[in-house]
């Protein structure tokens, strides 16, 4: 069974890919650091804050629940 963390990372990559966004572009749209995006997607940051997830979700036009399921 996959961990919740890899689900978040995989979901962000999936939705980012659908929109054709680079990690850098997503970081600017979500108003969070590029490093934060890299850390979340690579699984280094296993527990991004709900605020961070909300910003990413908004930038990707999805709900926070879409990122964590």
N, C-alpha and C. Protein backbone atom coordinates (compact mmCIF):
# COMPACT_ATOMS: atom_id res chain seq x y z
N UNK A 1 0.84 -1.20 0.00
CA UNK A 1 0.00 0.00 0.00
C UNK A 1 0.88 1.25 0.00
N UNK A 2 0.51 2.20 -0.84
CA UNK A 2 1.30 3.42 -0.93
C UNK A 2 1.04 4.33 0.27
N UNK A 3 2.07 5.05 0.65
CA UNK A 3 1.90 5.98 1.76
C UNK A 3 1.17 7.22 1.26
N UNK A 4 0.60 7.95 2.20
CA UNK A 4 -0.11 9.18 1.88
C UNK A 4 0.83 10.19 1.23
N UNK A 5 2.09 10.21 1.69
CA UNK A 5 3.05 11.17 1.16
C UNK A 5 3.27 10.99 -0.32
N UNK A 6 3.49 9.75 -0.74
CA UNK A 6 3.75 9.55 -2.15
C UNK A 6 2.49 9.88 -2.95
N UNK A 7 1.31 9.70 -2.36
CA UNK A 7 0.08 10.10 -3.04
C UNK A 7 0.07 11.60 -3.29
N UNK A 8 0.44 12.37 -2.29
CA UNK A 8 0.49 13.83 -2.45
C UNK A 8 1.48 14.18 -3.55
N UNK A 9 2.67 13.61 -3.49
CA UNK A 9 3.70 13.89 -4.49
C UNK A 9 3.22 13.49 -5.88
N UNK A 10 2.69 12.29 -6.00
CA UNK A 10 2.22 11.80 -7.30
C UNK A 10 1.06 12.63 -7.83
N UNK A 11 0.15 13.01 -6.96
CA UNK A 11 -1.00 13.80 -7.39
C UNK A 11 -0.59 15.20 -7.85
N UNK A 12 0.33 15.81 -7.13
CA UNK A 12 0.80 17.13 -7.55
C UNK A 12 1.46 17.02 -8.93
N UNK A 13 2.32 16.00 -9.10
CA UNK A 13 2.97 15.81 -10.40
C UNK A 13 1.94 15.57 -11.51
N UNK A 14 0.94 14.76 -11.19
CA UNK A 14 -0.10 14.42 -12.18
C UNK A 14 -0.85 15.67 -12.62
N UNK A 15 -1.36 16.44 -11.66
CA UNK A 15 -2.14 17.64 -12.01
C UNK A 15 -1.26 18.71 -12.64
N UNK A 16 -0.03 18.82 -12.18
CA UNK A 16 0.91 19.79 -12.76
C UNK A 16 1.18 19.42 -14.22
N UNK A 17 1.35 18.12 -14.48
CA UNK A 17 1.59 17.63 -15.83
C UNK A 17 0.41 17.89 -16.75
N UNK A 18 -0.80 17.69 -16.23
CA UNK A 18 -2.01 17.93 -17.02
C UNK A 18 -2.09 19.37 -17.48
N UNK A 19 -1.62 20.28 -16.63
CA UNK A 19 -1.66 21.70 -16.97
C UNK A 19 -0.41 22.16 -17.71
N UNK A 20 0.56 21.25 -17.84
CA UNK A 20 1.81 21.59 -18.53
C UNK A 20 2.64 22.60 -17.78
N UNK A 21 2.58 22.54 -16.45
CA UNK A 21 3.33 23.50 -15.63
C UNK A 21 4.66 22.91 -15.17
N UNK A 22 5.68 23.74 -15.17
CA UNK A 22 6.96 23.33 -14.58
C UNK A 22 6.86 23.50 -13.07
N UNK A 23 7.80 22.90 -12.35
CA UNK A 23 7.81 23.07 -10.89
C UNK A 23 7.99 24.54 -10.55
N UNK A 24 8.84 25.22 -11.31
CA UNK A 24 9.10 26.64 -11.07
C UNK A 24 7.83 27.47 -11.27
N UNK A 25 7.10 27.19 -12.36
CA UNK A 25 5.86 27.94 -12.64
C UNK A 25 4.82 27.68 -11.55
N UNK A 26 4.70 26.42 -11.14
CA UNK A 26 3.75 26.09 -10.07
C UNK A 26 4.10 26.83 -8.79
N UNK A 27 5.39 26.89 -8.47
CA UNK A 27 5.79 27.58 -7.24
C UNK A 27 5.38 29.06 -7.28
N UNK A 28 5.51 29.68 -8.46
CA UNK A 28 5.12 31.09 -8.60
C UNK A 28 3.60 31.26 -8.51
N UNK A 29 2.86 30.37 -9.18
CA UNK A 29 1.39 30.45 -9.14
C UNK A 29 0.86 30.22 -7.73
N UNK A 30 1.50 29.30 -7.01
CA UNK A 30 1.04 28.96 -5.66
C UNK A 30 1.63 29.90 -4.60
N UNK A 31 2.56 30.76 -5.01
CA UNK A 31 3.22 31.68 -4.09
C UNK A 31 3.93 30.95 -2.95
N UNK A 32 4.63 29.89 -3.33
CA UNK A 32 5.49 29.17 -2.38
C UNK A 32 6.85 28.96 -3.05
N UNK A 33 7.85 28.63 -2.28
CA UNK A 33 9.18 28.53 -2.87
C UNK A 33 9.32 27.32 -3.78
N UNK A 34 10.17 27.50 -4.78
CA UNK A 34 10.49 26.43 -5.73
C UNK A 34 11.01 25.21 -4.96
N UNK A 35 11.84 25.50 -3.97
CA UNK A 35 12.42 24.43 -3.13
C UNK A 35 11.34 23.62 -2.43
N UNK A 36 10.28 24.27 -2.00
CA UNK A 36 9.17 23.59 -1.33
C UNK A 36 8.50 22.60 -2.28
N UNK A 37 8.27 23.03 -3.52
CA UNK A 37 7.66 22.14 -4.52
C UNK A 37 8.54 20.92 -4.74
N UNK A 38 9.84 21.16 -4.91
CA UNK A 38 10.78 20.05 -5.14
C UNK A 38 10.76 19.08 -3.96
N UNK A 39 10.80 19.63 -2.75
CA UNK A 39 10.82 18.77 -1.56
C UNK A 39 9.54 17.96 -1.42
N UNK A 40 8.39 18.55 -1.72
CA UNK A 40 7.13 17.81 -1.62
C UNK A 40 7.06 16.73 -2.69
N UNK A 41 7.39 17.10 -3.94
CA UNK A 41 7.31 16.13 -5.04
C UNK A 41 8.31 14.99 -4.89
N UNK A 42 9.46 15.26 -4.29
CA UNK A 42 10.46 14.21 -4.13
C UNK A 42 10.23 13.38 -2.87
N UNK A 43 9.29 13.83 -2.03
CA UNK A 43 8.99 13.11 -0.81
C UNK A 43 9.87 13.47 0.38
N UNK A 44 10.72 14.49 0.20
CA UNK A 44 11.57 14.94 1.31
C UNK A 44 10.69 15.60 2.38
N UNK A 45 9.76 16.45 1.91
CA UNK A 45 8.80 17.08 2.82
C UNK A 45 7.58 16.17 2.87
N UNK A 46 7.51 15.35 3.91
CA UNK A 46 6.44 14.36 4.02
C UNK A 46 5.14 14.93 4.55
N UNK A 47 5.21 16.07 5.23
CA UNK A 47 4.00 16.66 5.82
C UNK A 47 3.87 18.14 5.49
N UNK A 48 3.57 18.44 4.23
CA UNK A 48 3.37 19.86 3.91
C UNK A 48 2.19 20.41 4.70
N UNK A 49 2.26 21.68 5.07
CA UNK A 49 1.18 22.27 5.85
C UNK A 49 -0.09 22.35 5.00
N UNK A 50 -1.22 22.42 5.67
CA UNK A 50 -2.49 22.53 4.97
C UNK A 50 -2.52 23.83 4.17
N UNK A 51 -1.88 24.86 4.68
CA UNK A 51 -1.81 26.14 3.97
C UNK A 51 -1.06 25.97 2.65
N UNK A 52 0.06 25.25 2.70
CA UNK A 52 0.85 24.98 1.49
C UNK A 52 0.05 24.15 0.50
N UNK A 53 -0.60 23.10 1.00
CA UNK A 53 -1.42 22.26 0.13
C UNK A 53 -2.57 23.05 -0.50
N UNK A 54 -3.15 23.95 0.29
CA UNK A 54 -4.26 24.76 -0.22
C UNK A 54 -3.78 25.68 -1.35
N UNK A 55 -2.60 26.25 -1.19
CA UNK A 55 -2.04 27.13 -2.23
C UNK A 55 -1.75 26.35 -3.51
N UNK A 56 -1.19 25.15 -3.33
CA UNK A 56 -0.88 24.31 -4.50
C UNK A 56 -2.18 23.89 -5.19
N UNK A 57 -3.15 23.45 -4.39
CA UNK A 57 -4.43 23.01 -4.96
C UNK A 57 -5.09 24.15 -5.74
N UNK A 58 -5.06 25.34 -5.18
CA UNK A 58 -5.67 26.50 -5.85
C UNK A 58 -4.96 26.77 -7.17
N UNK A 59 -3.63 26.71 -7.17
CA UNK A 59 -2.85 26.96 -8.38
C UNK A 59 -3.13 25.90 -9.46
N UNK A 60 -3.46 24.69 -9.01
CA UNK A 60 -3.74 23.59 -9.94
C UNK A 60 -5.23 23.45 -10.28
N UNK A 61 -6.04 24.34 -9.69
CA UNK A 61 -7.49 24.29 -9.89
C UNK A 61 -8.12 22.96 -9.46
N UNK A 62 -7.63 22.44 -8.34
CA UNK A 62 -8.21 21.22 -7.77
C UNK A 62 -8.44 21.46 -6.28
N UNK A 63 -9.14 20.53 -5.64
CA UNK A 63 -9.36 20.64 -4.21
C UNK A 63 -8.20 20.01 -3.45
N UNK A 64 -8.03 20.42 -2.20
CA UNK A 64 -6.98 19.82 -1.36
C UNK A 64 -7.20 18.31 -1.28
N UNK A 65 -8.47 17.89 -1.22
CA UNK A 65 -8.76 16.46 -1.13
C UNK A 65 -8.27 15.70 -2.38
N UNK A 66 -8.24 16.40 -3.53
CA UNK A 66 -7.73 15.76 -4.74
C UNK A 66 -6.23 15.46 -4.62
N UNK A 67 -5.53 16.29 -3.85
CA UNK A 67 -4.08 16.10 -3.68
C UNK A 67 -3.75 15.02 -2.67
N UNK A 68 -4.61 14.88 -1.64
CA UNK A 68 -4.25 13.93 -0.57
C UNK A 68 -4.86 12.55 -0.71
N UNK A 69 -5.80 12.37 -1.63
CA UNK A 69 -6.41 11.04 -1.74
C UNK A 69 -5.55 10.08 -2.51
